[in-house]
Amino acid sequence: MNKADRLAQALALIVPAALLGGAYISQYVFGLYPCEMCWWQRWPHFAALAFAVLSLFAPPKRIWVAIAAGGILTSGLIGFFHAGVEYHFWEGITGCALPASNGGDMLEAIFDQPIIRCDQAPWTLVGISLAGFNAIISIASAFTIWVLLARKDDAS
């Protein structure tokens, strides 16, 4: 792999790991529990991370990195849709789900859970929600990875 390919591979590893890490820190440290659409954004990052790790060991490495970029882009597009729901640009396609119960009285478990709305951003920075940041970072990263993979540098 050339330098551009190695940089693309590094981005394919770092971006989903960092965004998932940030999501879990915001959830478990700061109490920003995910809504259903937040979870939709995490799944493609898990897949992207798996493909990026696979690219470390299995040929064709560039293909695995490109597929990882597709997962990152997918998460970013879901984040874009979710941000639009939060900003009330359009209506969401689902109700917001409550976390699953660990057993016991189901009704009591439901009432004890925090209600997480998909159409309200629990946190923003300069007016951009977490879903918005995911959209910006993920979409830009995916295209950057693909541009790097398209470069015709010599193998160095």
N, C-alpha and C. Protein backbone atom coordinates (compact mmCIF):
# COMPACT_ATOMS: atom_id res chain seq x y z
N MET A 1 0.84 -1.18 0.00
CA MET A 1 0.00 0.00 0.00
C MET A 1 0.89 1.25 0.00
N ASN A 2 0.49 2.26 -0.76
CA ASN A 2 1.24 3.50 -0.78
C ASN A 2 0.83 4.40 0.38
N LYS A 3 1.45 5.58 0.47
CA LYS A 3 1.19 6.48 1.60
C LYS A 3 -0.28 6.91 1.66
N ALA A 4 -0.85 7.23 0.51
CA ALA A 4 -2.26 7.65 0.48
C ALA A 4 -3.17 6.52 0.95
N ASP A 5 -2.87 5.29 0.51
CA ASP A 5 -3.68 4.14 0.94
C ASP A 5 -3.57 3.92 2.45
N ARG A 6 -2.37 4.08 2.98
CA ARG A 6 -2.17 3.90 4.43
C ARG A 6 -2.91 4.99 5.21
N LEU A 7 -2.92 6.22 4.69
CA LEU A 7 -3.66 7.29 5.34
C LEU A 7 -5.16 7.01 5.28
N ALA A 8 -5.63 6.53 4.14
CA ALA A 8 -7.04 6.17 4.01
C ALA A 8 -7.40 5.07 5.00
N GLN A 9 -6.53 4.08 5.12
CA GLN A 9 -6.76 2.98 6.06
C GLN A 9 -6.80 3.50 7.50
N ALA A 10 -5.87 4.40 7.83
CA ALA A 10 -5.85 4.98 9.18
C ALA A 10 -7.14 5.74 9.47
N LEU A 11 -7.60 6.54 8.50
CA LEU A 11 -8.87 7.26 8.68
C LEU A 11 -10.04 6.30 8.85
N ALA A 12 -10.04 5.21 8.06
CA ALA A 12 -11.12 4.23 8.15
C ALA A 12 -11.15 3.54 9.51
N LEU A 13 -10.02 3.48 10.16
CA LEU A 13 -9.95 2.92 11.52
C LEU A 13 -10.31 3.97 12.58
N ILE A 14 -9.72 5.15 12.45
CA ILE A 14 -9.83 6.18 13.49
C ILE A 14 -11.21 6.81 13.55
N VAL A 15 -11.79 7.14 12.39
CA VAL A 15 -13.05 7.90 12.38
C VAL A 15 -14.18 7.13 13.06
N PRO A 16 -14.49 5.88 12.66
CA PRO A 16 -15.58 5.21 13.36
C PRO A 16 -15.27 4.91 14.82
N ALA A 17 -14.00 4.59 15.11
CA ALA A 17 -13.62 4.33 16.51
C ALA A 17 -13.81 5.58 17.36
N ALA A 18 -13.39 6.72 16.84
CA ALA A 18 -13.52 7.98 17.60
C ALA A 18 -14.98 8.37 17.75
N LEU A 19 -15.77 8.24 16.70
CA LEU A 19 -17.18 8.63 16.79
C LEU A 19 -17.96 7.69 17.70
N LEU A 20 -17.67 6.39 17.63
CA LEU A 20 -18.32 5.46 18.56
C LEU A 20 -17.85 5.73 19.99
N GLY A 21 -16.57 5.99 20.16
CA GLY A 21 -16.06 6.32 21.49
C GLY A 21 -16.74 7.56 22.05
N GLY A 22 -16.89 8.57 21.22
CA GLY A 22 -17.59 9.78 21.65
C GLY A 22 -19.04 9.52 22.00
N ALA A 23 -19.69 8.66 21.22
CA ALA A 23 -21.09 8.33 21.50
C ALA A 23 -21.22 7.63 22.85
N TYR A 24 -20.32 6.69 23.11
CA TYR A 24 -20.40 5.96 24.39
C TYR A 24 -19.99 6.84 25.57
N ILE A 25 -19.04 7.74 25.37
CA ILE A 25 -18.69 8.67 26.45
C ILE A 25 -19.88 9.59 26.74
N SER A 26 -20.50 10.10 25.69
CA SER A 26 -21.66 10.98 25.91
C SER A 26 -22.79 10.22 26.60
N GLN A 27 -22.92 8.94 26.31
CA GLN A 27 -23.98 8.13 26.93
C GLN A 27 -23.66 7.80 28.38
N TYR A 28 -22.49 7.22 28.62
CA TYR A 28 -22.19 6.68 29.95
C TYR A 28 -21.55 7.68 30.91
N VAL A 29 -20.91 8.72 30.39
CA VAL A 29 -20.29 9.71 31.27
C VAL A 29 -21.21 10.91 31.46
N PHE A 30 -21.84 11.36 30.37
CA PHE A 30 -22.65 12.57 30.43
C PHE A 30 -24.15 12.32 30.44
N GLY A 31 -24.59 11.06 30.39
CA GLY A 31 -26.01 10.74 30.50
C GLY A 31 -26.85 11.11 29.29
N LEU A 32 -26.22 11.25 28.12
CA LEU A 32 -26.98 11.55 26.90
C LEU A 32 -27.35 10.22 26.23
N TYR A 33 -28.47 9.66 26.67
CA TYR A 33 -28.88 8.35 26.18
C TYR A 33 -29.31 8.42 24.72
N PRO A 34 -29.00 7.40 23.93
CA PRO A 34 -29.32 7.43 22.50
C PRO A 34 -30.79 7.12 22.23
N CYS A 35 -31.31 7.81 21.25
CA CYS A 35 -32.66 7.47 20.76
C CYS A 35 -32.49 6.39 19.69
N GLU A 36 -33.59 5.97 19.12
CA GLU A 36 -33.54 4.91 18.10
C GLU A 36 -32.69 5.32 16.90
N MET A 37 -32.82 6.56 16.44
CA MET A 37 -32.05 6.99 15.28
C MET A 37 -30.57 7.15 15.61
N CYS A 38 -30.25 7.43 16.87
CA CYS A 38 -28.84 7.45 17.29
C CYS A 38 -28.23 6.06 17.11
N TRP A 39 -29.00 5.04 17.50
CA TRP A 39 -28.51 3.67 17.32
C TRP A 39 -28.34 3.36 15.85
N TRP A 40 -29.23 3.84 15.00
CA TRP A 40 -29.09 3.59 13.56
C TRP A 40 -27.76 4.12 13.05
N GLN A 41 -27.28 5.22 13.63
CA GLN A 41 -26.00 5.79 13.20
C GLN A 41 -24.82 4.96 13.70
N ARG A 42 -24.97 4.28 14.80
CA ARG A 42 -23.86 3.49 15.36
C ARG A 42 -23.59 2.22 14.56
N TRP A 43 -24.63 1.55 14.09
CA TRP A 43 -24.44 0.25 13.43
C TRP A 43 -23.52 0.33 12.22
N PRO A 44 -23.68 1.30 11.31
CA PRO A 44 -22.73 1.37 10.18
C PRO A 44 -21.29 1.65 10.62
N HIS A 45 -21.12 2.37 11.71
CA HIS A 45 -19.76 2.61 12.22
C HIS A 45 -19.15 1.31 12.75
N PHE A 46 -19.96 0.48 13.40
CA PHE A 46 -19.46 -0.83 13.83
C PHE A 46 -19.00 -1.64 12.62
N ALA A 47 -19.81 -1.65 11.57
CA ALA A 47 -19.45 -2.39 10.35
C ALA A 47 -18.20 -1.79 9.72
N ALA A 48 -18.13 -0.46 9.64
CA ALA A 48 -16.96 0.20 9.06
C ALA A 48 -15.69 -0.16 9.83
N LEU A 49 -15.79 -0.17 11.14
CA LEU A 49 -14.64 -0.51 11.96
C LEU A 49 -14.20 -1.96 11.71
N ALA A 50 -15.16 -2.85 11.57
CA ALA A 50 -14.83 -4.25 11.30
C ALA A 50 -14.11 -4.39 9.95
N PHE A 51 -14.61 -3.70 8.92
CA PHE A 51 -13.96 -3.77 7.61
C PHE A 51 -12.57 -3.12 7.64
N ALA A 52 -12.44 -2.04 8.39
CA ALA A 52 -11.14 -1.38 8.50
C ALA A 52 -10.13 -2.28 9.21
N VAL A 53 -10.56 -2.97 10.25
CA VAL A 53 -9.68 -3.92 10.94
C VAL A 53 -9.32 -5.07 9.99
N LEU A 54 -10.30 -5.54 9.24
CA LEU A 54 -10.04 -6.61 8.27
C LEU A 54 -8.99 -6.18 7.26
N SER A 55 -8.99 -4.90 6.90
CA SER A 55 -8.01 -4.40 5.93
C SER A 55 -6.57 -4.48 6.44
N LEU A 56 -6.40 -4.61 7.74
CA LEU A 56 -5.06 -4.74 8.30
C LEU A 56 -4.46 -6.11 8.02
N PHE A 57 -5.32 -7.11 7.80
CA PHE A 57 -4.85 -8.49 7.72
C PHE A 57 -5.13 -9.19 6.40
N ALA A 58 -6.22 -8.84 5.74
CA ALA A 58 -6.67 -9.62 4.58
C ALA A 58 -6.65 -8.80 3.30
N PRO A 59 -6.08 -9.37 2.25
CA PRO A 59 -6.20 -8.70 0.96
C PRO A 59 -7.61 -8.93 0.39
N PRO A 60 -8.08 -8.08 -0.47
CA PRO A 60 -7.48 -6.85 -0.98
C PRO A 60 -7.75 -5.69 -0.03
N LYS A 61 -6.70 -5.20 0.57
CA LYS A 61 -6.80 -4.19 1.62
C LYS A 61 -7.55 -2.93 1.17
N ARG A 62 -7.26 -2.47 -0.04
CA ARG A 62 -7.91 -1.25 -0.53
C ARG A 62 -9.42 -1.42 -0.64
N ILE A 63 -9.86 -2.60 -1.01
CA ILE A 63 -11.30 -2.85 -1.13
C ILE A 63 -11.96 -2.79 0.25
N TRP A 64 -11.33 -3.39 1.25
CA TRP A 64 -11.90 -3.36 2.61
C TRP A 64 -11.97 -1.92 3.13
N VAL A 65 -10.96 -1.14 2.82
CA VAL A 65 -10.95 0.27 3.25
C VAL A 65 -12.08 1.02 2.53
N ALA A 66 -12.25 0.76 1.25
CA ALA A 66 -13.32 1.43 0.49
C ALA A 66 -14.70 1.05 1.03
N ILE A 67 -14.87 -0.22 1.40
CA ILE A 67 -16.15 -0.66 1.98
C ILE A 67 -16.35 -0.01 3.34
N ALA A 68 -15.28 0.10 4.12
CA ALA A 68 -15.37 0.79 5.41
C ALA A 68 -15.83 2.23 5.21
N ALA A 69 -15.30 2.89 4.18
CA ALA A 69 -15.73 4.26 3.88
C ALA A 69 -17.21 4.30 3.55
N GLY A 70 -17.71 3.25 2.90
CA GLY A 70 -19.15 3.18 2.61
C GLY A 70 -19.98 3.10 3.89
N GLY A 71 -19.48 2.37 4.88
CA GLY A 71 -20.17 2.32 6.17
C GLY A 71 -20.15 3.66 6.88
N ILE A 72 -19.00 4.33 6.80
CA ILE A 72 -18.88 5.66 7.42
C ILE A 72 -19.85 6.63 6.74
N LEU A 73 -19.91 6.58 5.41
CA LEU A 73 -20.84 7.44 4.69
C LEU A 73 -22.29 7.14 5.06
N THR A 74 -22.62 5.86 5.18
CA THR A 74 -23.98 5.47 5.55
C THR A 74 -24.37 6.07 6.90
N SER A 75 -23.47 5.98 7.87
CA SER A 75 -23.75 6.57 9.17
C SER A 75 -23.93 8.08 9.05
N GLY A 76 -23.10 8.72 8.25
CA GLY A 76 -23.21 10.16 8.05
C GLY A 76 -24.53 10.56 7.43
N LEU A 77 -25.00 9.77 6.47
CA LEU A 77 -26.28 10.08 5.83
C LEU A 77 -27.44 9.88 6.80
N ILE A 78 -27.36 8.86 7.63
CA ILE A 78 -28.38 8.67 8.67
C ILE A 78 -28.32 9.83 9.65
N GLY A 79 -27.10 10.27 10.01
CA GLY A 79 -26.94 11.42 10.88
C GLY A 79 -27.53 12.68 10.27
N PHE A 80 -27.35 12.86 8.97
CA PHE A 80 -27.93 14.01 8.27
C PHE A 80 -29.46 13.97 8.37
N PHE A 81 -30.03 12.79 8.13
CA PHE A 81 -31.49 12.65 8.25
C PHE A 81 -31.94 12.93 9.68
N HIS A 82 -31.23 12.36 10.66
CA HIS A 82 -31.59 12.55 12.06
C HIS A 82 -31.48 14.03 12.45
N ALA A 83 -30.43 14.71 12.01
CA ALA A 83 -30.29 16.14 12.31
C ALA A 83 -31.46 16.92 11.72
N GLY A 84 -31.89 16.55 10.53
CA GLY A 84 -33.05 17.20 9.92
C GLY A 84 -34.31 17.01 10.74
N VAL A 85 -34.45 15.84 11.35
CA VAL A 85 -35.59 15.58 12.24
C VAL A 85 -35.47 16.44 13.49
N GLU A 86 -34.26 16.53 14.04
CA GLU A 86 -34.04 17.35 15.24
C GLU A 86 -34.32 18.82 14.99
N TYR A 87 -33.94 19.31 13.81
CA TYR A 87 -34.16 20.72 13.48
C TYR A 87 -35.55 20.96 12.90
N HIS A 88 -36.36 19.92 12.84
CA HIS A 88 -37.74 19.98 12.35
C HIS A 88 -37.81 20.40 10.89
N PHE A 89 -36.80 20.00 10.09
CA PHE A 89 -36.85 20.23 8.65
C PHE A 89 -37.80 19.23 8.01
N TRP A 90 -37.90 18.03 8.59
CA TRP A 90 -38.80 16.99 8.13
C TRP A 90 -39.16 16.11 9.30
N GLU A 91 -40.15 15.26 9.09
CA GLU A 91 -40.62 14.37 10.15
C GLU A 91 -39.84 13.06 10.12
N GLY A 92 -39.60 12.51 11.28
CA GLY A 92 -38.92 11.22 11.37
C GLY A 92 -39.84 10.10 10.93
N ILE A 93 -39.25 8.94 10.68
CA ILE A 93 -40.04 7.81 10.20
C ILE A 93 -40.31 6.78 11.30
N THR A 94 -39.97 7.10 12.54
CA THR A 94 -40.15 6.14 13.61
C THR A 94 -40.46 6.87 14.92
N GLY A 95 -41.09 6.13 15.82
CA GLY A 95 -41.21 6.63 17.18
C GLY A 95 -39.91 6.35 17.90
N CYS A 96 -39.70 6.98 19.01
CA CYS A 96 -38.46 6.74 19.73
C CYS A 96 -38.64 5.58 20.69
N ALA A 97 -37.63 4.74 20.75
CA ALA A 97 -37.70 3.51 21.52
C ALA A 97 -37.11 3.70 22.92
N LEU A 98 -37.59 2.90 23.84
CA LEU A 98 -37.02 2.85 25.18
C LEU A 98 -36.02 1.70 25.25
N PRO A 99 -35.01 1.80 26.10
CA PRO A 99 -34.07 0.70 26.25
C PRO A 99 -34.77 -0.57 26.72
N ALA A 100 -34.23 -1.71 26.35
CA ALA A 100 -34.81 -2.99 26.72
C ALA A 100 -34.73 -3.23 28.23
N SER A 101 -35.67 -3.98 28.73
CA SER A 101 -35.73 -4.31 30.15
C SER A 101 -34.82 -5.50 30.45
N ASN A 102 -34.31 -5.56 31.67
CA ASN A 102 -33.49 -6.69 32.11
C ASN A 102 -34.33 -7.74 32.82
N GLY A 103 -35.59 -7.76 32.59
CA GLY A 103 -36.47 -8.72 33.25
C GLY A 103 -37.30 -8.02 34.31
N GLY A 104 -38.04 -8.77 35.08
CA GLY A 104 -38.89 -8.19 36.12
C GLY A 104 -40.18 -7.66 35.53
N ASP A 105 -40.80 -6.73 36.23
CA ASP A 105 -42.06 -6.15 35.80
C ASP A 105 -41.82 -5.23 34.62
N MET A 106 -42.36 -5.61 33.46
CA MET A 106 -42.12 -4.86 32.23
C MET A 106 -42.69 -3.44 32.33
N LEU A 107 -43.86 -3.28 32.87
CA LEU A 107 -44.47 -1.96 32.98
C LEU A 107 -43.63 -1.05 33.89
N GLU A 108 -43.17 -1.60 35.01
CA GLU A 108 -42.32 -0.81 35.91
C GLU A 108 -41.02 -0.42 35.22
N ALA A 109 -40.44 -1.35 34.45
CA ALA A 109 -39.20 -1.07 33.74
C ALA A 109 -39.40 0.03 32.71
N ILE A 110 -40.55 0.03 32.05
CA ILE A 110 -40.84 1.06 31.06
C ILE A 110 -40.94 2.42 31.73
N PHE A 111 -41.65 2.49 32.84
CA PHE A 111 -41.84 3.76 33.53
C PHE A 111 -40.55 4.28 34.17
N ASP A 112 -39.61 3.39 34.48
CA ASP A 112 -38.36 3.79 35.10
C ASP A 112 -37.32 4.28 34.09
N GLN A 113 -37.57 4.08 32.80
CA GLN A 113 -36.60 4.45 31.77
C GLN A 113 -36.78 5.91 31.36
N PRO A 114 -35.67 6.57 31.04
CA PRO A 114 -35.81 7.93 30.52
C PRO A 114 -36.42 7.89 29.12
N ILE A 115 -37.24 8.88 28.80
CA ILE A 115 -37.84 8.95 27.47
C ILE A 115 -36.89 9.75 26.59
N ILE A 116 -36.45 9.13 25.51
CA ILE A 116 -35.49 9.76 24.61
C ILE A 116 -36.20 10.06 23.30
N ARG A 117 -36.34 11.32 22.99
CA ARG A 117 -37.03 11.74 21.78
C ARG A 117 -36.03 11.90 20.64
N CYS A 118 -36.42 11.43 19.47
CA CYS A 118 -35.56 11.54 18.29
C CYS A 118 -35.60 12.94 17.69
N ASP A 119 -36.64 13.70 18.00
CA ASP A 119 -36.80 15.00 17.36
C ASP A 119 -36.32 16.16 18.22
N GLN A 120 -35.60 15.86 19.29
CA GLN A 120 -35.03 16.90 20.14
C GLN A 120 -33.56 16.59 20.39
N ALA A 121 -32.71 17.52 20.03
CA ALA A 121 -31.27 17.34 20.26
C ALA A 121 -30.98 17.54 21.74
N PRO A 122 -30.41 16.53 22.42
CA PRO A 122 -30.12 16.69 23.84
C PRO A 122 -28.93 17.60 24.13
N TRP A 123 -28.10 17.86 23.09
CA TRP A 123 -26.89 18.67 23.27
C TRP A 123 -26.53 19.27 21.92
N THR A 124 -26.09 20.51 21.92
CA THR A 124 -25.59 21.14 20.70
C THR A 124 -24.35 21.97 21.02
N LEU A 125 -23.56 22.19 20.00
CA LEU A 125 -22.41 23.09 20.09
C LEU A 125 -22.49 23.98 18.86
N VAL A 126 -22.51 25.27 19.05
CA VAL A 126 -22.72 26.26 18.00
C VAL A 126 -23.91 25.88 17.11
N GLY A 127 -24.95 25.36 17.74
CA GLY A 127 -26.18 25.03 17.03
C GLY A 127 -26.16 23.71 16.27
N ILE A 128 -25.09 22.94 16.40
CA ILE A 128 -24.99 21.66 15.69
C ILE A 128 -25.14 20.54 16.71
N SER A 129 -26.07 19.62 16.43
CA SER A 129 -26.32 18.50 17.33
C SER A 129 -25.28 17.40 17.12
N LEU A 130 -25.31 16.40 17.98
CA LEU A 130 -24.41 15.26 17.82
C LEU A 130 -24.66 14.56 16.48
N ALA A 131 -25.92 14.44 16.09
CA ALA A 131 -26.24 13.83 14.78
C ALA A 131 -25.67 14.69 13.66
N GLY A 132 -25.74 16.00 13.82
CA GLY A 132 -25.17 16.90 12.82
C GLY A 132 -23.67 16.77 12.72
N PHE A 133 -23.00 16.68 13.88
CA PHE A 133 -21.55 16.47 13.86
C PHE A 133 -21.19 15.13 13.22
N ASN A 134 -21.96 14.10 13.52
CA ASN A 134 -21.72 12.81 12.89
C ASN A 134 -21.85 12.93 11.37
N ALA A 135 -22.87 13.64 10.91
CA ALA A 135 -23.07 13.81 9.48
C ALA A 135 -21.88 14.52 8.85
N ILE A 136 -21.46 15.62 9.43
CA ILE A 136 -20.36 16.41 8.87
C ILE A 136 -19.07 15.60 8.85
N ILE A 137 -18.72 15.02 9.99
CA ILE A 137 -17.45 14.28 10.09
C ILE A 137 -17.47 13.03 9.23
N SER A 138 -18.55 12.28 9.27
CA SER A 138 -18.61 11.01 8.55
C SER A 138 -18.63 11.20 7.03
N ILE A 139 -19.45 12.12 6.55
CA ILE A 139 -19.54 12.33 5.10
C ILE A 139 -18.21 12.85 4.57
N ALA A 140 -17.62 13.83 5.25
CA ALA A 140 -16.33 14.36 4.82
C ALA A 140 -15.24 13.28 4.87
N SER A 141 -15.24 12.46 5.90
CA SER A 141 -14.23 11.41 6.04
C SER A 141 -14.36 10.35 4.96
N ALA A 142 -15.58 9.94 4.67
CA ALA A 142 -15.79 8.90 3.65
C ALA A 142 -15.26 9.37 2.30
N PHE A 143 -15.60 10.60 1.92
CA PHE A 143 -15.12 11.11 0.64
C PHE A 143 -13.61 11.31 0.65
N THR A 144 -13.05 11.71 1.77
CA THR A 144 -11.59 11.86 1.88
C THR A 144 -10.92 10.50 1.69
N ILE A 145 -11.47 9.48 2.30
CA ILE A 145 -10.90 8.12 2.16
C ILE A 145 -10.93 7.70 0.69
N TRP A 146 -12.06 7.91 0.02
CA TRP A 146 -12.16 7.51 -1.38
C TRP A 146 -11.21 8.30 -2.28
N VAL A 147 -11.04 9.60 -1.99
CA VAL A 147 -10.10 10.41 -2.77
C VAL A 147 -8.68 9.88 -2.56
N LEU A 148 -8.34 9.58 -1.33
CA LEU A 148 -7.00 9.04 -1.05
C LEU A 148 -6.78 7.71 -1.77
N LEU A 149 -7.79 6.86 -1.78
CA LEU A 149 -7.66 5.56 -2.46
C LEU A 149 -7.55 5.72 -3.97
N ALA A 150 -8.09 6.80 -4.50
CA ALA A 150 -8.05 7.02 -5.96
C ALA A 150 -6.72 7.59 -6.42
N ARG A 151 -5.89 8.06 -5.49
CA ARG A 151 -4.59 8.63 -5.87
C ARG A 151 -3.70 7.56 -6.46
N LYS A 152 -2.89 7.97 -7.42
CA LYS A 152 -1.98 7.04 -8.10
C LYS A 152 -0.54 7.27 -7.68
N ASP A 153 -0.32 7.32 -6.37
CA ASP A 153 1.05 7.51 -5.86
C ASP A 153 1.86 6.25 -6.06
N ASP A 154 3.18 6.42 -6.05
CA ASP A 154 4.03 5.24 -6.12
C ASP A 154 4.01 4.55 -4.75
N ALA A 155 4.28 3.26 -4.74
CA ALA A 155 4.30 2.49 -3.49
C ALA A 155 5.55 2.89 -2.71
N SER A 156 5.34 3.58 -1.59
CA SER A 156 6.49 4.00 -0.79
C SER A 156 6.25 3.75 0.66
